[in-house]
């Protein structure tokens, strides 16, 4: 959107008029102050409306303030947060970074359990010493896991995963939706299996299907007492995810079908942390 807006501003500075229909609702909100200040004007052209410039000097000042590195840089776009500060004055215009931290807990002594770029990592020893292991993952890295890995959405369950009574070799904290970088770096092999442990809501199920699409050997963790746990359901977990839920209703995956039925029955989803509640058998 930022590049589109910068392109529109450049066209306006060049003396061109732009049909109002070329501006999205969000962009119309951005030019509202310029219209009110008399920098731009909206006028009828034929059967439609168009935007044109009244004060070129005013628009130039606006562009300089919004884009300190110039409109051409904004149109070209940025790939790092440092560039986003220089071009847009806002690091958050770039959502990701060129690397990420992978936080894991390791329970297996196997020497071939974890490799990064063909180097075996003593992650179990790291965890024994510090309680946790962290890896730096960059685009193009090759991450190999030979064992069962649990993908855990929430931090409390990550720290207390043993309470679930589930046998895995590695627990990986995803912090919600896991990254595309993790998916692209993780190498499929016959020795890996994945257990997705997420919230029992549309996003949790959607993440499960996302990883199963690339790795056939993927399961969604469902405790034996899942129907009982839905008495703790919350409507907020599905309220803003109706489009995802509609898509999930078409899934043929048995785990998804089972959870979707419960979501529809209770009109809500269940947060994963409920699994840690005392006196609940899984």
Protein backbone atom coordinates (compact mmCIF):
# COMPACT_ATOMS: atom_id res chain seq x y z
CA UNK A 1 0.00 0.00 0.00
CA UNK A 2 2.86 2.40 0.80
CA UNK A 3 4.33 2.00 -2.69
CA UNK A 4 0.92 2.57 -4.29
CA UNK A 5 0.36 5.72 -2.28
CA UNK A 6 3.84 7.06 -3.12
CA UNK A 7 3.19 6.34 -6.80
CA UNK A 8 -0.08 8.29 -6.65
CA UNK A 9 1.68 11.25 -5.02
CA UNK A 10 4.38 11.23 -7.68
CA UNK A 11 1.74 11.29 -10.44
CA UNK A 12 -0.05 14.18 -8.74
CA UNK A 13 3.18 16.17 -8.47
CA UNK A 14 3.70 15.57 -12.19
CA UNK A 15 0.42 17.36 -12.85
CA UNK A 16 -1.74 14.31 -13.48
CA UNK A 17 -5.23 13.79 -12.13
CA UNK A 18 -6.08 10.40 -10.63
CA UNK A 19 -9.56 8.82 -10.61
CA UNK A 20 -10.92 8.57 -7.07
CA UNK A 21 -11.59 4.87 -7.67
CA UNK A 22 -7.79 4.30 -7.71
CA UNK A 23 -7.69 5.19 -4.00
CA UNK A 24 -8.64 2.46 -1.54
CA UNK A 25 -10.70 3.33 1.52
CA UNK A 26 -7.51 3.47 3.59
CA UNK A 27 -5.78 5.77 1.08
CA UNK A 28 -8.81 8.03 0.93
CA UNK A 29 -8.43 8.43 4.66
CA UNK A 30 -4.81 9.48 4.15
CA UNK A 31 -5.61 12.18 1.58
CA UNK A 32 -8.51 13.53 3.64
CA UNK A 33 -6.28 16.05 5.46
CA UNK A 34 -4.77 17.16 2.15
CA UNK A 35 -8.24 17.78 0.76
CA UNK A 36 -9.30 19.67 3.89
CA UNK A 37 -6.12 21.78 3.79
CA UNK A 38 -6.70 22.75 0.18
CA UNK A 39 -3.59 20.96 -1.07
CA UNK A 40 -5.65 18.57 -3.18
CA UNK A 41 -9.11 18.83 -4.64
CA UNK A 42 -11.75 16.32 -5.60
CA UNK A 43 -13.78 17.24 -8.65
CA UNK A 44 -16.21 15.64 -11.04
CA UNK A 45 -14.83 14.43 -14.36
CA UNK A 46 -17.45 12.93 -16.62
CA UNK A 47 -19.41 10.33 -14.65
CA UNK A 48 -16.80 10.00 -11.92
CA UNK A 49 -14.60 11.88 -9.46
CA UNK A 50 -10.89 12.62 -9.70
CA UNK A 51 -8.14 13.94 -7.43
CA UNK A 52 -5.83 16.74 -8.57
CA UNK A 53 -3.38 19.24 -7.04
CA UNK A 54 -4.15 22.78 -5.99
CA UNK A 55 -0.95 23.56 -4.07
CA UNK A 56 2.15 21.90 -5.51
CA UNK A 57 4.32 23.49 -2.84
CA UNK A 58 2.06 22.13 -0.12
CA UNK A 59 2.18 18.65 -1.63
CA UNK A 60 5.97 18.77 -1.95
CA UNK A 61 6.30 19.64 1.75
CA UNK A 62 3.92 16.81 2.64
CA UNK A 63 5.92 14.29 0.60
CA UNK A 64 9.21 15.42 2.12
CA UNK A 65 7.78 14.96 5.59
CA UNK A 66 6.24 11.56 4.85
CA UNK A 67 9.13 10.16 2.81
CA UNK A 68 12.50 11.61 3.88
CA UNK A 69 14.36 9.48 1.32
CA UNK A 70 12.09 10.56 -1.54
CA UNK A 71 9.12 9.13 -3.40
CA UNK A 72 11.24 6.94 -5.69
CA UNK A 73 12.66 5.08 -2.68
CA UNK A 74 9.14 4.60 -1.29
CA UNK A 75 7.92 3.27 -4.64
CA UNK A 76 10.85 0.83 -4.85
CA UNK A 77 10.01 -0.53 -1.39
CA UNK A 78 12.23 -1.77 1.41
CA UNK A 79 13.33 -5.14 2.76
CA UNK A 80 14.82 -4.28 6.17
CA UNK A 81 13.59 -2.33 9.17
CA UNK A 82 16.53 0.05 8.93
CA UNK A 83 15.48 0.93 5.38
CA UNK A 84 11.87 1.33 6.55
CA UNK A 85 12.94 3.98 9.06
CA UNK A 86 14.87 5.84 6.35
CA UNK A 87 12.10 5.64 3.76
CA UNK A 88 8.86 5.68 5.81
CA UNK A 89 10.05 6.84 9.26
CA UNK A 90 8.52 3.62 10.58
CA UNK A 91 10.43 0.36 11.17
CA UNK A 92 7.16 -1.55 11.54
CA UNK A 93 6.44 -1.12 7.83
CA UNK A 94 8.59 -4.25 7.47
CA UNK A 95 7.00 -7.08 9.41
CA UNK A 96 9.87 -9.54 9.44
CA UNK A 97 13.65 -9.43 9.73
CA UNK A 98 16.43 -11.18 7.84
CA UNK A 99 16.74 -13.76 10.62
CA UNK A 100 14.83 -15.15 13.58
CA UNK A 101 15.42 -16.95 16.85
CA UNK A 102 14.26 -20.53 17.16
CA UNK A 103 13.57 -21.39 20.80
CA UNK A 104 13.51 -25.10 21.59
CA UNK A 105 13.61 -27.58 24.44
CA UNK A 106 15.27 -30.91 23.74
CA UNK A 107 14.58 -34.21 25.51
CA UNK A 108 16.48 -36.70 23.33
CA UNK A 109 20.15 -37.67 23.56
CA UNK A 110 20.33 -38.67 19.89
CA UNK A 111 23.41 -37.19 18.22
CA UNK A 112 21.71 -36.94 14.83
CA UNK A 113 18.59 -35.28 16.23
CA UNK A 114 19.27 -31.73 15.08
CA UNK A 115 21.43 -30.31 12.31
CA UNK A 116 21.81 -26.78 11.02
CA UNK A 117 23.53 -26.47 7.65
CA UNK A 118 24.85 -30.05 7.98
CA UNK A 119 26.39 -29.43 11.42
CA UNK A 120 25.08 -31.54 14.32
CA UNK A 121 24.15 -29.37 17.29
CA UNK A 122 24.49 -30.44 20.96
CA UNK A 123 21.11 -28.90 21.79
CA UNK A 124 20.34 -31.40 24.54
CA UNK A 125 23.49 -30.38 26.39
CA UNK A 126 22.56 -26.72 25.98
CA UNK A 127 19.14 -27.39 27.46
CA UNK A 128 20.59 -29.39 30.34
CA UNK A 129 22.86 -26.45 31.17
CA UNK A 130 20.54 -23.51 30.51
CA UNK A 131 17.01 -24.92 30.31
CA UNK A 132 16.54 -23.87 26.71
CA UNK A 133 18.39 -23.73 23.39
CA UNK A 134 18.23 -20.98 20.79
CA UNK A 135 19.14 -21.15 17.11
CA UNK A 136 19.56 -18.35 14.61
CA UNK A 137 17.66 -19.13 11.43
CA UNK A 138 18.24 -17.19 8.19
CA UNK A 139 16.78 -17.48 4.73
CA UNK A 140 18.50 -20.32 2.91
CA UNK A 141 19.53 -22.20 6.05
CA UNK A 142 18.99 -25.96 6.11
CA UNK A 143 17.37 -27.24 9.30
CA UNK A 144 17.24 -31.02 9.71
CA UNK A 145 15.38 -32.82 12.48
CA UNK A 146 15.37 -36.59 12.88
CA UNK A 147 12.71 -37.22 15.47
CA UNK A 148 9.37 -36.05 16.76
CA UNK A 149 8.94 -32.31 17.23
CA UNK A 150 6.05 -30.58 18.97
CA UNK A 151 5.12 -27.13 17.66
CA UNK A 152 3.74 -25.28 20.69
CA UNK A 153 1.79 -22.06 20.28
CA UNK A 154 1.80 -20.70 23.84
CA UNK A 155 4.70 -20.03 26.17
CA UNK A 156 3.20 -21.60 29.33
CA UNK A 157 2.66 -24.90 27.56
CA UNK A 158 6.16 -24.68 26.07
CA UNK A 159 7.71 -24.44 29.54
CA UNK A 160 5.50 -27.12 31.09
CA UNK A 161 5.14 -29.44 28.13
CA UNK A 162 5.96 -32.51 30.23
CA UNK A 163 2.61 -32.12 32.00
CA UNK A 164 0.84 -33.18 28.83
CA UNK A 165 2.38 -36.64 29.09
CA UNK A 166 3.27 -36.65 25.40
CA UNK A 167 6.54 -38.18 24.21
CA UNK A 168 8.53 -35.96 21.82
CA UNK A 169 12.19 -35.27 21.12
CA UNK A 170 11.98 -31.50 20.67
CA UNK A 171 9.51 -28.78 21.65
CA UNK A 172 9.57 -25.65 19.49
CA UNK A 173 7.90 -22.43 20.68
CA UNK A 174 6.10 -20.86 17.71
CA UNK A 175 4.61 -17.91 19.56
CA UNK A 176 1.41 -18.14 17.51
CA UNK A 177 1.70 -18.53 13.77
CA UNK A 178 5.03 -20.08 12.88
CA UNK A 179 7.10 -18.30 10.26
CA UNK A 180 7.39 -19.02 6.58
CA UNK A 181 11.15 -19.10 7.09
CA UNK A 182 10.84 -22.05 9.46
CA UNK A 183 8.77 -23.94 6.90
CA UNK A 184 11.16 -23.21 4.07
CA UNK A 185 14.28 -24.11 6.08
CA UNK A 186 12.97 -27.32 7.63
CA UNK A 187 14.01 -30.20 5.39
CA UNK A 188 11.43 -32.96 4.84
CA UNK A 189 12.80 -36.43 5.60
CA UNK A 190 11.49 -39.86 6.53
CA UNK A 191 12.71 -39.52 10.13
CA UNK A 192 10.72 -36.44 11.09
CA UNK A 193 7.21 -36.26 12.49
CA UNK A 194 5.43 -33.16 13.69
CA UNK A 195 2.86 -32.70 16.43
CA UNK A 196 1.08 -29.37 16.25
CA UNK A 197 -0.02 -28.17 19.69
CA UNK A 198 -2.07 -25.04 19.24
CA UNK A 199 -5.25 -23.42 20.44
CA UNK A 200 -8.47 -25.23 19.58
CA UNK A 201 -9.66 -22.42 17.37
CA UNK A 202 -9.61 -21.49 13.65
CA UNK A 203 -6.05 -20.14 13.72
CA UNK A 204 -4.67 -23.20 15.50
CA UNK A 205 -6.32 -25.54 13.00
CA UNK A 206 -5.23 -23.40 10.07
CA UNK A 207 -1.61 -23.57 11.22
CA UNK A 208 -1.87 -27.34 11.51
CA UNK A 209 -3.10 -27.68 7.91
CA UNK A 210 -0.41 -25.29 6.77
CA UNK A 211 2.39 -27.51 8.08
CA UNK A 212 0.66 -30.74 7.08
CA UNK A 213 0.54 -29.47 3.49
CA UNK A 214 4.35 -29.52 3.39
CA UNK A 215 5.02 -32.38 5.82
CA UNK A 216 2.57 -35.22 5.47
CA UNK A 217 3.74 -36.67 8.80
CA UNK A 218 1.92 -34.08 10.91
CA UNK A 219 -0.67 -34.53 13.65
CA UNK A 220 -2.86 -32.13 15.63
CA UNK A 221 -2.71 -32.78 19.36
CA UNK A 222 -6.16 -33.59 20.73
CA UNK A 223 -6.42 -34.79 24.33
CA UNK A 224 -8.88 -37.56 25.16
CA UNK A 225 -11.03 -35.14 27.18
CA UNK A 226 -11.29 -32.49 24.47
CA UNK A 227 -15.12 -32.43 24.56
CA UNK A 228 -15.01 -31.71 28.31
CA UNK A 229 -12.50 -28.89 27.79
CA UNK A 230 -14.86 -27.03 25.49
CA UNK A 231 -16.89 -25.95 28.51
CA UNK A 232 -14.08 -23.38 28.81
CA UNK A 233 -14.62 -22.11 25.26
CA UNK A 234 -14.45 -18.44 24.36
CA UNK A 235 -16.36 -16.75 21.54
CA UNK A 236 -13.61 -14.17 20.97
CA UNK A 237 -11.37 -16.88 19.51
CA UNK A 238 -13.67 -17.33 16.52
CA UNK A 239 -15.30 -13.93 16.23
CA UNK A 240 -12.65 -12.37 13.96
CA UNK A 241 -11.83 -15.60 12.15
CA UNK A 242 -15.10 -16.49 10.46
CA UNK A 243 -13.52 -16.64 6.99
CA UNK A 244 -10.93 -19.14 8.22
CA UNK A 245 -13.62 -21.15 10.00
CA UNK A 246 -15.72 -21.31 6.83
CA UNK A 247 -12.73 -22.69 4.95
CA UNK A 248 -12.02 -25.22 7.70
CA UNK A 249 -15.57 -26.56 7.46
CA UNK A 250 -14.64 -27.83 3.99
CA UNK A 251 -11.58 -29.72 5.22
CA UNK A 252 -11.54 -33.52 4.99
CA UNK A 253 -8.93 -33.86 7.75
CA UNK A 254 -10.44 -35.88 10.60
CA UNK A 255 -8.79 -33.85 13.37
CA UNK A 256 -10.01 -30.60 11.86
CA UNK A 257 -13.53 -31.96 11.39
CA UNK A 258 -13.65 -33.06 15.02
CA UNK A 259 -12.56 -29.68 16.44
CA UNK A 260 -14.73 -27.68 14.05
CA UNK A 261 -17.78 -29.65 15.22
CA UNK A 262 -16.98 -28.69 18.81
CA UNK A 263 -16.37 -25.07 17.85
CA UNK A 264 -19.74 -24.91 16.11
CA UNK A 265 -21.47 -26.70 18.98
CA UNK A 266 -20.09 -24.31 21.63
CA UNK A 267 -19.77 -21.21 19.43
CA UNK A 268 -16.22 -20.65 20.61
CA UNK A 269 -12.68 -21.95 20.76
CA UNK A 270 -10.48 -23.10 23.64
CA UNK A 271 -7.05 -21.75 24.52
CA UNK A 272 -4.26 -24.28 24.80
CA UNK A 273 -3.29 -23.28 28.35
CA UNK A 274 -6.31 -25.17 29.70
CA UNK A 275 -4.26 -28.35 29.23
CA UNK A 276 -2.16 -27.32 32.23
CA UNK A 277 -5.10 -27.08 34.62
CA UNK A 278 -4.63 -29.43 37.56
CA UNK A 279 -6.86 -32.47 37.99
CA UNK A 280 -7.63 -32.73 34.27
CA UNK A 281 -6.70 -36.03 32.66
CA UNK A 282 -5.59 -35.88 29.04
